[in-house]
Amino acid sequence: MASLKRKRAADIDDVTSSESDSEVEDLDGARLTPESGQIASVEAEDFMNHKKFSIVFGRNVNFVTGANGSGKSAIVAAIQVCLGASAKTTGRGDSTRSFVRDGSKNGYAVVRVTLMNDGQDAYRPDIYGNRIVIERKITIKGVSSYKILSAASKVCGGICALLCVCGLVCVVCGVWCVV
């Protein structure tokens, strides 16, 4: 049976948003490191009603609270849209262009999701490092583009690379990409 992962009671007061980079202990005292594929952070610019926002997730359970209109649903929508969901799937619009903030001076929204890439399941750490950043740019015309960035912000690919990271069939080149 897998042991439960939990922060020791003595450490609860020390939990911060940067906990995602630290090791924690399970109930048996074993040291645990962050898992590959966990969402480390989300950033968005000119997305929905928000000029700019970012959130860094902790290692374990995260609670997002706030008043109506403060951005809780925008965080979820940003993750969905950045990782390839359609506007209809999010329940937040009929077209991706609806995610571009009214009044955007650039005429586009940018959403970035940073995934952890550590441990034995890390995907090509020699290329990506300990983080993989997926970036989606959505124009007011509804046109989207993707970038896959390494931890060092080096562009490592576009949509084909995204599909390879996710283990999906590439609609661009038609190759089944398996991680």
Foldseek 3Di string as FASTA:
>chain_A
DDFAFDADPVCVVVDDLVQLQPWGATPVRDTDHADWFDWQKKWKAQFQADRIDMGGHHRDDDDDDDDPPPCPLVRVVLVCVLLPHACVVSVNDDAPLNGGHPPDPVQKMKMKIKTAQDDPNGDPCVAQPGIWIWMWIAGNVRDIWIFIAHPVRHTDDTQVVSCLVVQAQRPVPRHRRHD
